[in-house]
Amino acid sequence: MSLNVNWFGMSYLLECFSVRRCRTLIGLSVMIGSVLSCVSCHKEDPDGYRLSVTEFITSADREIQFQKAIIVELKKDPSAVKDPSVLSHRETTANKYLQELAIFAGNYKILLSDSLDDSRSQQLKQIARSGSRLIELATLSDQEMIGLHIRASSNTGVKDASLRSWAGSQTAVFMGNLNSLQ
């Protein structure tokens, strides 16, 4: 009798886990394993940071200056955005961000720029009156800032723990900016 019960149990298992389901299960297991191995990276070299503080601060400053210039251009044609209050919110968050970034820059004696670099300035001049292109640039800039802040806040990001923590907290701000434009 127990032999028949075992056979019934085995045939049931074989039926439940058909070849298609096994492939799906194996594929899912491999994908989960890959994600876990990427997320749980162990840092071998305690001084092996991928992003210098100077590189992060200057890159963030250059990108936030670009975002501020985009806001100025978008304010000239507020109909380019669905909700014009988005522009004032972005302006407020950009100014607050610059104030906080200036504190870190001062700690490292890094001078922040108060204007756009030439290539970005030219880029804006070429599309200044095109609201949809300005939205595209703002979206790309938000994505750039999100990527920069994720890299800086990772365990191999910037060496300064307080800057790393602050960069991590700013990721949500830029994700909110990105979502508000879409």
N, C-alpha and C. Protein backbone atom coordinates (compact mmCIF):
# COMPACT_ATOMS: atom_id res chain seq x y z
N MET A 1 0.82 -1.20 0.00
CA MET A 1 0.00 0.00 0.00
C MET A 1 0.86 1.26 0.00
N SER A 2 1.92 1.26 0.80
CA SER A 2 2.76 2.45 0.83
C SER A 2 3.48 2.65 -0.49
N LEU A 3 3.76 1.59 -1.22
CA LEU A 3 4.39 1.72 -2.53
C LEU A 3 3.47 2.47 -3.49
N ASN A 4 2.17 2.16 -3.45
CA ASN A 4 1.21 2.86 -4.30
C ASN A 4 1.10 4.33 -3.91
N VAL A 5 1.15 4.64 -2.62
CA VAL A 5 1.06 6.02 -2.16
C VAL A 5 2.29 6.80 -2.63
N ASN A 6 3.45 6.21 -2.52
CA ASN A 6 4.67 6.88 -2.98
C ASN A 6 4.63 7.12 -4.49
N TRP A 7 4.18 6.10 -5.22
CA TRP A 7 4.09 6.25 -6.67
C TRP A 7 3.11 7.37 -7.03
N PHE A 8 1.99 7.41 -6.32
CA PHE A 8 1.02 8.47 -6.56
C PHE A 8 1.64 9.84 -6.25
N GLY A 9 2.40 9.92 -5.14
CA GLY A 9 3.06 11.18 -4.78
C GLY A 9 4.09 11.60 -5.81
N MET A 10 4.85 10.64 -6.32
CA MET A 10 5.86 10.95 -7.34
C MET A 10 5.21 11.40 -8.65
N SER A 11 4.14 10.71 -9.07
CA SER A 11 3.49 11.11 -10.31
C SER A 11 2.87 12.50 -10.16
N TYR A 12 2.37 12.79 -8.97
CA TYR A 12 1.81 14.12 -8.72
C TYR A 12 2.90 15.18 -8.82
N LEU A 13 4.07 14.93 -8.22
CA LEU A 13 5.18 15.88 -8.29
C LEU A 13 5.65 16.08 -9.72
N LEU A 14 5.75 14.97 -10.48
CA LEU A 14 6.17 15.09 -11.87
C LEU A 14 5.18 15.90 -12.68
N GLU A 15 3.90 15.71 -12.39
CA GLU A 15 2.88 16.46 -13.10
C GLU A 15 2.94 17.94 -12.74
N CYS A 16 3.18 18.24 -11.48
CA CYS A 16 3.23 19.64 -11.03
C CYS A 16 4.45 20.37 -11.59
N PHE A 17 5.56 19.67 -11.60
CA PHE A 17 6.79 20.31 -12.08
C PHE A 17 7.12 19.78 -13.46
N SER A 18 6.36 20.18 -14.40
CA SER A 18 6.62 19.78 -15.78
C SER A 18 7.91 20.45 -16.24
N VAL A 19 8.34 20.10 -17.40
CA VAL A 19 9.59 20.64 -17.95
C VAL A 19 9.55 22.17 -17.99
N ARG A 20 8.42 22.71 -18.39
CA ARG A 20 8.28 24.16 -18.49
C ARG A 20 8.44 24.83 -17.13
N ARG A 21 7.80 24.25 -16.13
CA ARG A 21 7.90 24.82 -14.80
C ARG A 21 9.30 24.67 -14.24
N CYS A 22 9.96 23.57 -14.56
CA CYS A 22 11.34 23.38 -14.09
C CYS A 22 12.25 24.44 -14.70
N ARG A 23 12.07 24.68 -15.99
CA ARG A 23 12.89 25.72 -16.64
C ARG A 23 12.65 27.07 -15.99
N THR A 24 11.41 27.38 -15.73
CA THR A 24 11.06 28.64 -15.08
C THR A 24 11.68 28.72 -13.69
N LEU A 25 11.57 27.61 -12.95
CA LEU A 25 12.11 27.57 -11.60
C LEU A 25 13.63 27.71 -11.61
N ILE A 26 14.28 27.02 -12.53
CA ILE A 26 15.73 27.11 -12.64
C ILE A 26 16.15 28.51 -13.06
N GLY A 27 15.46 29.06 -14.06
CA GLY A 27 15.77 30.42 -14.51
C GLY A 27 15.58 31.44 -13.40
N LEU A 28 14.51 31.29 -12.64
CA LEU A 28 14.24 32.20 -11.53
C LEU A 28 15.32 32.07 -10.46
N SER A 29 15.73 30.83 -10.19
CA SER A 29 16.79 30.60 -9.19
C SER A 29 18.10 31.24 -9.62
N VAL A 30 18.45 31.09 -10.89
CA VAL A 30 19.69 31.70 -11.40
C VAL A 30 19.60 33.21 -11.33
N MET A 31 18.45 33.78 -11.69
CA MET A 31 18.30 35.23 -11.65
C MET A 31 18.40 35.75 -10.21
N ILE A 32 17.74 35.09 -9.28
CA ILE A 32 17.80 35.52 -7.88
C ILE A 32 19.22 35.40 -7.36
N GLY A 33 19.89 34.31 -7.69
CA GLY A 33 21.28 34.14 -7.27
C GLY A 33 22.19 35.22 -7.81
N SER A 34 21.98 35.59 -9.07
CA SER A 34 22.79 36.65 -9.68
C SER A 34 22.57 37.99 -8.99
N VAL A 35 21.31 38.30 -8.72
CA VAL A 35 21.00 39.56 -8.05
C VAL A 35 21.62 39.58 -6.65
N LEU A 36 21.47 38.49 -5.92
CA LEU A 36 22.03 38.43 -4.58
C LEU A 36 23.55 38.55 -4.58
N SER A 37 24.20 37.95 -5.56
CA SER A 37 25.65 38.06 -5.60
C SER A 37 26.10 39.47 -5.94
N CYS A 38 25.33 40.18 -6.76
CA CYS A 38 25.67 41.56 -7.09
C CYS A 38 25.42 42.50 -5.91
N VAL A 39 24.32 42.26 -5.21
CA VAL A 39 23.94 43.15 -4.12
C VAL A 39 24.84 42.95 -2.91
N SER A 40 25.27 41.75 -2.68
CA SER A 40 26.04 41.47 -1.47
C SER A 40 27.53 41.42 -1.74
N CYS A 41 28.01 42.33 -2.56
CA CYS A 41 29.44 42.37 -2.87
C CYS A 41 30.23 42.69 -1.62
N HIS A 42 31.33 42.02 -1.49
CA HIS A 42 32.22 42.25 -0.37
C HIS A 42 33.36 43.12 -0.84
N LYS A 43 33.65 44.14 -0.10
CA LYS A 43 34.69 45.07 -0.46
C LYS A 43 36.02 44.57 0.09
N GLU A 44 36.92 44.16 -0.79
CA GLU A 44 38.20 43.60 -0.37
C GLU A 44 39.17 44.68 0.10
N ASP A 45 39.24 45.78 -0.62
CA ASP A 45 40.20 46.83 -0.32
C ASP A 45 39.49 47.97 0.41
N PRO A 46 39.78 48.17 1.71
CA PRO A 46 39.06 49.22 2.45
C PRO A 46 39.32 50.62 1.93
N ASP A 47 40.39 50.83 1.17
CA ASP A 47 40.66 52.14 0.60
C ASP A 47 40.36 52.19 -0.88
N GLY A 48 39.68 51.20 -1.41
CA GLY A 48 39.40 51.12 -2.84
C GLY A 48 38.08 51.73 -3.23
N TYR A 49 37.95 53.03 -3.11
CA TYR A 49 36.70 53.71 -3.46
C TYR A 49 36.73 54.06 -4.94
N ARG A 50 35.60 53.88 -5.60
CA ARG A 50 35.52 54.12 -7.04
C ARG A 50 35.34 55.58 -7.40
N LEU A 51 34.84 56.37 -6.50
CA LEU A 51 34.49 57.75 -6.82
C LEU A 51 35.14 58.67 -5.79
N SER A 52 35.98 59.55 -6.26
CA SER A 52 36.62 60.48 -5.32
C SER A 52 35.60 61.54 -4.90
N VAL A 53 35.84 62.11 -3.74
CA VAL A 53 34.96 63.16 -3.23
C VAL A 53 34.94 64.33 -4.21
N THR A 54 36.09 64.71 -4.71
CA THR A 54 36.18 65.83 -5.66
C THR A 54 35.39 65.54 -6.92
N GLU A 55 35.54 64.33 -7.45
CA GLU A 55 34.82 63.96 -8.67
C GLU A 55 33.32 64.00 -8.45
N PHE A 56 32.87 63.49 -7.30
CA PHE A 56 31.44 63.50 -7.02
C PHE A 56 30.92 64.93 -6.89
N ILE A 57 31.59 65.74 -6.10
CA ILE A 57 31.10 67.11 -5.85
C ILE A 57 31.10 67.93 -7.13
N THR A 58 32.16 67.85 -7.93
CA THR A 58 32.20 68.64 -9.17
C THR A 58 31.17 68.13 -10.18
N SER A 59 30.99 66.83 -10.26
CA SER A 59 29.98 66.28 -11.19
C SER A 59 28.57 66.68 -10.75
N ALA A 60 28.30 66.59 -9.46
CA ALA A 60 26.98 66.96 -8.94
C ALA A 60 26.73 68.46 -9.15
N ASP A 61 27.75 69.27 -8.91
CA ASP A 61 27.61 70.71 -9.10
C ASP A 61 27.33 71.04 -10.57
N ARG A 62 28.07 70.43 -11.47
CA ARG A 62 27.88 70.69 -12.91
C ARG A 62 26.45 70.30 -13.34
N GLU A 63 25.97 69.17 -12.83
CA GLU A 63 24.65 68.69 -13.24
C GLU A 63 23.52 69.53 -12.61
N ILE A 64 23.69 69.95 -11.36
CA ILE A 64 22.63 70.75 -10.73
C ILE A 64 22.58 72.15 -11.34
N GLN A 65 23.73 72.67 -11.77
CA GLN A 65 23.74 73.96 -12.48
C GLN A 65 22.97 73.83 -13.80
N PHE A 66 23.14 72.70 -14.46
CA PHE A 66 22.42 72.44 -15.70
C PHE A 66 20.92 72.36 -15.43
N GLN A 67 20.54 71.69 -14.35
CA GLN A 67 19.12 71.59 -14.02
C GLN A 67 18.53 72.97 -13.71
N LYS A 68 19.28 73.80 -13.02
CA LYS A 68 18.78 75.15 -12.72
C LYS A 68 18.58 75.94 -14.01
N ALA A 69 19.48 75.80 -14.97
CA ALA A 69 19.34 76.51 -16.25
C ALA A 69 18.14 75.99 -17.03
N ILE A 70 17.89 74.70 -16.96
CA ILE A 70 16.71 74.12 -17.62
C ILE A 70 15.44 74.69 -16.99
N ILE A 71 15.44 74.82 -15.67
CA ILE A 71 14.27 75.38 -14.98
C ILE A 71 14.01 76.80 -15.45
N VAL A 72 15.07 77.60 -15.59
CA VAL A 72 14.92 78.98 -16.07
C VAL A 72 14.28 78.99 -17.45
N GLU A 73 14.75 78.11 -18.32
CA GLU A 73 14.18 78.05 -19.68
C GLU A 73 12.73 77.57 -19.66
N LEU A 74 12.44 76.58 -18.83
CA LEU A 74 11.07 76.08 -18.75
C LEU A 74 10.11 77.12 -18.17
N LYS A 75 10.60 77.96 -17.28
CA LYS A 75 9.74 79.01 -16.71
C LYS A 75 9.32 80.03 -17.76
N LYS A 76 10.08 80.14 -18.84
CA LYS A 76 9.71 81.04 -19.92
C LYS A 76 8.49 80.51 -20.68
N ASP A 77 8.28 79.20 -20.63
CA ASP A 77 7.12 78.57 -21.26
C ASP A 77 6.56 77.51 -20.32
N PRO A 78 5.84 77.93 -19.27
CA PRO A 78 5.34 76.98 -18.28
C PRO A 78 4.34 75.97 -18.83
N SER A 79 3.81 76.21 -20.03
CA SER A 79 2.87 75.24 -20.61
C SER A 79 3.57 73.95 -21.04
N ALA A 80 4.89 73.95 -21.02
CA ALA A 80 5.65 72.76 -21.40
C ALA A 80 5.49 71.63 -20.38
N VAL A 81 5.13 71.99 -19.15
CA VAL A 81 4.92 70.98 -18.11
C VAL A 81 3.44 70.91 -17.77
N LYS A 82 3.00 69.73 -17.34
CA LYS A 82 1.59 69.54 -17.03
C LYS A 82 1.15 70.38 -15.84
N ASP A 83 2.04 70.47 -14.85
CA ASP A 83 1.72 71.20 -13.62
C ASP A 83 2.84 72.22 -13.38
N PRO A 84 2.56 73.50 -13.59
CA PRO A 84 3.60 74.53 -13.43
C PRO A 84 4.21 74.60 -12.02
N SER A 85 3.49 74.10 -11.02
CA SER A 85 4.06 74.11 -9.67
C SER A 85 5.27 73.19 -9.56
N VAL A 86 5.39 72.28 -10.50
CA VAL A 86 6.55 71.38 -10.53
C VAL A 86 7.84 72.19 -10.68
N LEU A 87 7.76 73.26 -11.47
CA LEU A 87 8.95 74.08 -11.70
C LEU A 87 9.41 74.77 -10.42
N SER A 88 8.48 75.32 -9.67
CA SER A 88 8.88 76.00 -8.42
C SER A 88 9.40 74.98 -7.41
N HIS A 89 8.82 73.79 -7.38
CA HIS A 89 9.32 72.74 -6.49
C HIS A 89 10.73 72.32 -6.88
N ARG A 90 10.95 72.15 -8.17
CA ARG A 90 12.29 71.76 -8.64
C ARG A 90 13.31 72.86 -8.33
N GLU A 91 12.90 74.10 -8.47
CA GLU A 91 13.80 75.21 -8.18
C GLU A 91 14.17 75.23 -6.70
N THR A 92 13.17 75.04 -5.85
CA THR A 92 13.41 75.00 -4.41
C THR A 92 14.35 73.86 -4.02
N THR A 93 14.09 72.67 -4.57
CA THR A 93 14.94 71.54 -4.23
C THR A 93 16.36 71.70 -4.78
N ALA A 94 16.49 72.32 -5.95
CA ALA A 94 17.82 72.55 -6.52
C ALA A 94 18.61 73.53 -5.66
N ASN A 95 17.95 74.59 -5.18
CA ASN A 95 18.64 75.56 -4.33
C ASN A 95 19.04 74.94 -3.00
N LYS A 96 18.15 74.16 -2.41
CA LYS A 96 18.46 73.47 -1.16
C LYS A 96 19.62 72.49 -1.36
N TYR A 97 19.58 71.77 -2.46
CA TYR A 97 20.64 70.82 -2.79
C TYR A 97 21.99 71.54 -2.89
N LEU A 98 22.00 72.66 -3.59
CA LEU A 98 23.25 73.42 -3.75
C LEU A 98 23.79 73.92 -2.42
N GLN A 99 22.91 74.35 -1.53
CA GLN A 99 23.34 74.79 -0.21
C GLN A 99 24.00 73.65 0.56
N GLU A 100 23.40 72.48 0.51
CA GLU A 100 23.96 71.33 1.21
C GLU A 100 25.26 70.85 0.56
N LEU A 101 25.30 70.87 -0.76
CA LEU A 101 26.52 70.47 -1.47
C LEU A 101 27.65 71.44 -1.16
N ALA A 102 27.32 72.72 -1.01
CA ALA A 102 28.33 73.74 -0.70
C ALA A 102 29.00 73.46 0.65
N ILE A 103 28.27 72.91 1.59
CA ILE A 103 28.86 72.57 2.89
C ILE A 103 29.94 71.50 2.71
N PHE A 104 29.62 70.45 1.96
CA PHE A 104 30.61 69.40 1.71
C PHE A 104 31.78 69.94 0.89
N ALA A 105 31.48 70.78 -0.09
CA ALA A 105 32.55 71.36 -0.92
C ALA A 105 33.48 72.20 -0.06
N GLY A 106 32.92 72.96 0.88
CA GLY A 106 33.73 73.78 1.77
C GLY A 106 34.64 72.94 2.66
N ASN A 107 34.12 71.80 3.11
CA ASN A 107 34.93 70.90 3.94
C ASN A 107 36.16 70.40 3.20
N TYR A 108 36.05 70.26 1.88
CA TYR A 108 37.15 69.75 1.07
C TYR A 108 37.83 70.84 0.24
N LYS A 109 37.46 72.10 0.51
CA LYS A 109 38.03 73.25 -0.20
C LYS A 109 37.88 73.12 -1.73
N ILE A 110 36.69 72.71 -2.13
CA ILE A 110 36.35 72.59 -3.55
C ILE A 110 35.46 73.77 -3.90
N LEU A 111 35.82 74.49 -4.94
CA LEU A 111 35.02 75.63 -5.38
C LEU A 111 33.89 75.15 -6.28
N LEU A 112 32.68 75.58 -5.96
CA LEU A 112 31.54 75.25 -6.80
C LEU A 112 31.38 76.31 -7.88
N SER A 113 30.88 75.89 -9.00
CA SER A 113 30.63 76.80 -10.10
C SER A 113 29.30 77.50 -9.88
N ASP A 114 29.19 78.70 -10.39
CA ASP A 114 27.90 79.38 -10.29
C ASP A 114 27.29 79.59 -11.67
N SER A 115 27.82 78.87 -12.66
CA SER A 115 27.28 78.98 -14.01
C SER A 115 27.51 77.66 -14.76
N LEU A 116 26.91 77.59 -15.93
CA LEU A 116 27.04 76.40 -16.77
C LEU A 116 28.39 76.37 -17.47
N ASP A 117 28.84 75.15 -17.78
CA ASP A 117 30.03 75.06 -18.63
C ASP A 117 29.60 75.34 -20.07
N ASP A 118 30.55 75.60 -20.94
CA ASP A 118 30.24 76.04 -22.30
C ASP A 118 29.44 75.01 -23.10
N SER A 119 29.77 73.74 -22.98
CA SER A 119 29.06 72.73 -23.78
C SER A 119 27.59 72.65 -23.38
N ARG A 120 27.33 72.73 -22.10
CA ARG A 120 25.93 72.68 -21.64
C ARG A 120 25.20 73.96 -22.03
N SER A 121 25.88 75.06 -21.98
CA SER A 121 25.27 76.33 -22.36
C SER A 121 24.86 76.30 -23.84
N GLN A 122 25.74 75.78 -24.67
CA GLN A 122 25.44 75.66 -26.11
C GLN A 122 24.26 74.71 -26.34
N GLN A 123 24.25 73.63 -25.58
CA GLN A 123 23.17 72.65 -25.70
C GLN A 123 21.83 73.31 -25.41
N LEU A 124 21.78 74.13 -24.37
CA LEU A 124 20.54 74.82 -24.03
C LEU A 124 20.15 75.87 -25.06
N LYS A 125 21.12 76.57 -25.59
CA LYS A 125 20.83 77.61 -26.59
C LYS A 125 20.21 77.01 -27.85
N GLN A 126 20.63 75.80 -28.19
CA GLN A 126 20.12 75.16 -29.41
C GLN A 126 18.65 74.78 -29.30
N ILE A 127 18.19 74.50 -28.10
CA ILE A 127 16.80 74.04 -27.95
C ILE A 127 16.00 74.90 -27.00
N ALA A 128 16.44 76.11 -26.76
CA ALA A 128 15.86 76.96 -25.72
C ALA A 128 14.34 77.11 -25.80
N ARG A 129 13.76 77.15 -26.95
CA ARG A 129 12.32 77.38 -27.06
C ARG A 129 11.51 76.10 -27.29
N SER A 130 12.13 74.98 -27.17
CA SER A 130 11.43 73.71 -27.37
C SER A 130 11.16 73.06 -26.02
N GLY A 131 9.93 73.22 -25.55
CA GLY A 131 9.56 72.70 -24.24
C GLY A 131 9.74 71.20 -24.11
N SER A 132 9.39 70.45 -25.16
CA SER A 132 9.50 68.99 -25.07
C SER A 132 10.97 68.56 -25.00
N ARG A 133 11.83 69.25 -25.72
CA ARG A 133 13.27 68.92 -25.66
C ARG A 133 13.85 69.30 -24.30
N LEU A 134 13.36 70.39 -23.72
CA LEU A 134 13.83 70.76 -22.38
C LEU A 134 13.40 69.73 -21.35
N ILE A 135 12.20 69.20 -21.50
CA ILE A 135 11.73 68.14 -20.60
C ILE A 135 12.61 66.91 -20.75
N GLU A 136 12.97 66.57 -21.99
CA GLU A 136 13.87 65.43 -22.23
C GLU A 136 15.21 65.64 -21.54
N LEU A 137 15.75 66.86 -21.67
CA LEU A 137 17.03 67.16 -21.02
C LEU A 137 16.93 67.08 -19.50
N ALA A 138 15.83 67.59 -18.96
CA ALA A 138 15.63 67.53 -17.51
C ALA A 138 15.53 66.07 -17.05
N THR A 139 14.83 65.26 -17.83
CA THR A 139 14.69 63.84 -17.50
C THR A 139 16.05 63.15 -17.53
N LEU A 140 16.83 63.40 -18.58
CA LEU A 140 18.17 62.81 -18.67
C LEU A 140 19.06 63.28 -17.54
N SER A 141 18.93 64.54 -17.18
CA SER A 141 19.73 65.08 -16.09
C SER A 141 19.35 64.45 -14.75
N ASP A 142 18.05 64.26 -14.53
CA ASP A 142 17.60 63.56 -13.31
C ASP A 142 18.16 62.15 -13.26
N GLN A 143 18.12 61.47 -14.39
CA GLN A 143 18.66 60.11 -14.45
C GLN A 143 20.17 60.11 -14.17
N GLU A 144 20.85 61.09 -14.68
CA GLU A 144 22.30 61.22 -14.43
C GLU A 144 22.56 61.44 -12.94
N MET A 145 21.76 62.32 -12.33
CA MET A 145 21.93 62.58 -10.89
C MET A 145 21.62 61.35 -10.05
N ILE A 146 20.59 60.61 -10.43
CA ILE A 146 20.25 59.38 -9.69
C ILE A 146 21.42 58.40 -9.77
N GLY A 147 21.95 58.20 -10.96
CA GLY A 147 23.08 57.29 -11.13
C GLY A 147 24.30 57.74 -10.34
N LEU A 148 24.60 59.02 -10.39
CA LEU A 148 25.74 59.56 -9.67
C LEU A 148 25.59 59.35 -8.17
N HIS A 149 24.41 59.59 -7.65
CA HIS A 149 24.17 59.46 -6.21
C HIS A 149 24.13 58.00 -5.76
N ILE A 150 23.66 57.12 -6.62
CA ILE A 150 23.70 55.70 -6.29
C ILE A 150 25.15 55.22 -6.23
N ARG A 151 25.95 55.64 -7.21
CA ARG A 151 27.39 55.25 -7.19
C ARG A 151 28.07 55.81 -5.96
N ALA A 152 27.80 57.07 -5.62
CA ALA A 152 28.46 57.70 -4.48
C ALA A 152 28.06 57.08 -3.16
N SER A 153 26.84 56.61 -3.06
CA SER A 153 26.34 56.08 -1.79
C SER A 153 26.60 54.58 -1.62
N SER A 154 27.13 53.93 -2.64
CA SER A 154 27.41 52.50 -2.51
C SER A 154 28.59 52.28 -1.56
N ASN A 155 28.79 51.03 -1.16
CA ASN A 155 29.87 50.76 -0.21
C ASN A 155 31.25 51.01 -0.81
N THR A 156 31.33 51.14 -2.12
CA THR A 156 32.60 51.51 -2.76
C THR A 156 32.50 52.90 -3.38
N GLY A 157 31.54 53.68 -2.93
CA GLY A 157 31.32 55.03 -3.47
C GLY A 157 32.38 55.99 -2.98
N VAL A 158 31.99 57.08 -2.36
CA VAL A 158 32.95 58.05 -1.84
C VAL A 158 33.41 57.62 -0.45
N LYS A 159 34.61 58.04 -0.09
CA LYS A 159 35.19 57.61 1.17
C LYS A 159 34.52 58.24 2.39
N ASP A 160 34.12 59.49 2.27
CA ASP A 160 33.50 60.22 3.38
C ASP A 160 32.12 59.62 3.69
N ALA A 161 31.98 59.04 4.87
CA ALA A 161 30.73 58.35 5.24
C ALA A 161 29.54 59.31 5.29
N SER A 162 29.75 60.54 5.76
CA SER A 162 28.62 61.47 5.84
C SER A 162 28.19 61.92 4.44
N LEU A 163 29.13 62.11 3.55
CA LEU A 163 28.80 62.46 2.17
C LEU A 163 28.12 61.28 1.48
N ARG A 164 28.58 60.08 1.75
CA ARG A 164 27.98 58.88 1.19
C ARG A 164 26.53 58.74 1.66
N SER A 165 26.29 58.99 2.92
CA SER A 165 24.94 58.93 3.48
C SER A 165 24.04 60.01 2.87
N TRP A 166 24.56 61.22 2.78
CA TRP A 166 23.79 62.33 2.20
C TRP A 166 23.45 62.02 0.74
N ALA A 167 24.42 61.51 0.00
CA ALA A 167 24.18 61.18 -1.42
C ALA A 167 23.05 60.15 -1.53
N GLY A 168 23.05 59.18 -0.62
CA GLY A 168 21.98 58.18 -0.63
C GLY A 168 20.62 58.80 -0.37
N SER A 169 20.57 59.77 0.52
CA SER A 169 19.28 60.41 0.83
C SER A 169 18.79 61.28 -0.33
N GLN A 170 19.69 61.78 -1.15
CA GLN A 170 19.31 62.65 -2.25
C GLN A 170 18.76 61.87 -3.45
N THR A 171 19.02 60.58 -3.50
CA THR A 171 18.52 59.77 -4.60
C THR A 171 17.00 59.86 -4.69
N ALA A 172 16.32 59.81 -3.55
CA ALA A 172 14.86 59.89 -3.53
C ALA A 172 14.37 61.24 -4.06
N VAL A 173 15.12 62.30 -3.78
CA VAL A 173 14.73 63.64 -4.26
C VAL A 173 14.73 63.66 -5.79
N PHE A 174 15.80 63.12 -6.38
CA PHE A 174 15.89 63.14 -7.84
C PHE A 174 14.92 62.17 -8.48
N MET A 175 14.60 61.09 -7.80
CA MET A 175 13.58 60.18 -8.32
C MET A 175 12.21 60.87 -8.30
N GLY A 176 11.95 61.65 -7.26
CA GLY A 176 10.72 62.42 -7.20
C GLY A 176 10.67 63.46 -8.30
N ASN A 177 11.79 64.13 -8.55
CA ASN A 177 11.84 65.10 -9.66
C ASN A 177 11.56 64.42 -10.99
N LEU A 178 12.17 63.27 -11.18
CA LEU A 178 11.97 62.53 -12.42
C LEU A 178 10.51 62.14 -12.59
N ASN A 179 9.90 61.64 -11.56
CA ASN A 179 8.49 61.23 -11.62
C ASN A 179 7.56 62.41 -11.86
N SER A 180 7.92 63.58 -11.34
CA SER A 180 7.04 64.74 -11.48
C SER A 180 6.99 65.24 -12.92
N LEU A 181 8.01 64.95 -13.71
CA LEU A 181 8.01 65.39 -15.10
C LEU A 181 7.28 64.42 -16.02
N GLN A 182 7.10 63.21 -15.57
CA GLN A 182 6.52 62.20 -16.47
C GLN A 182 5.03 62.09 -16.30
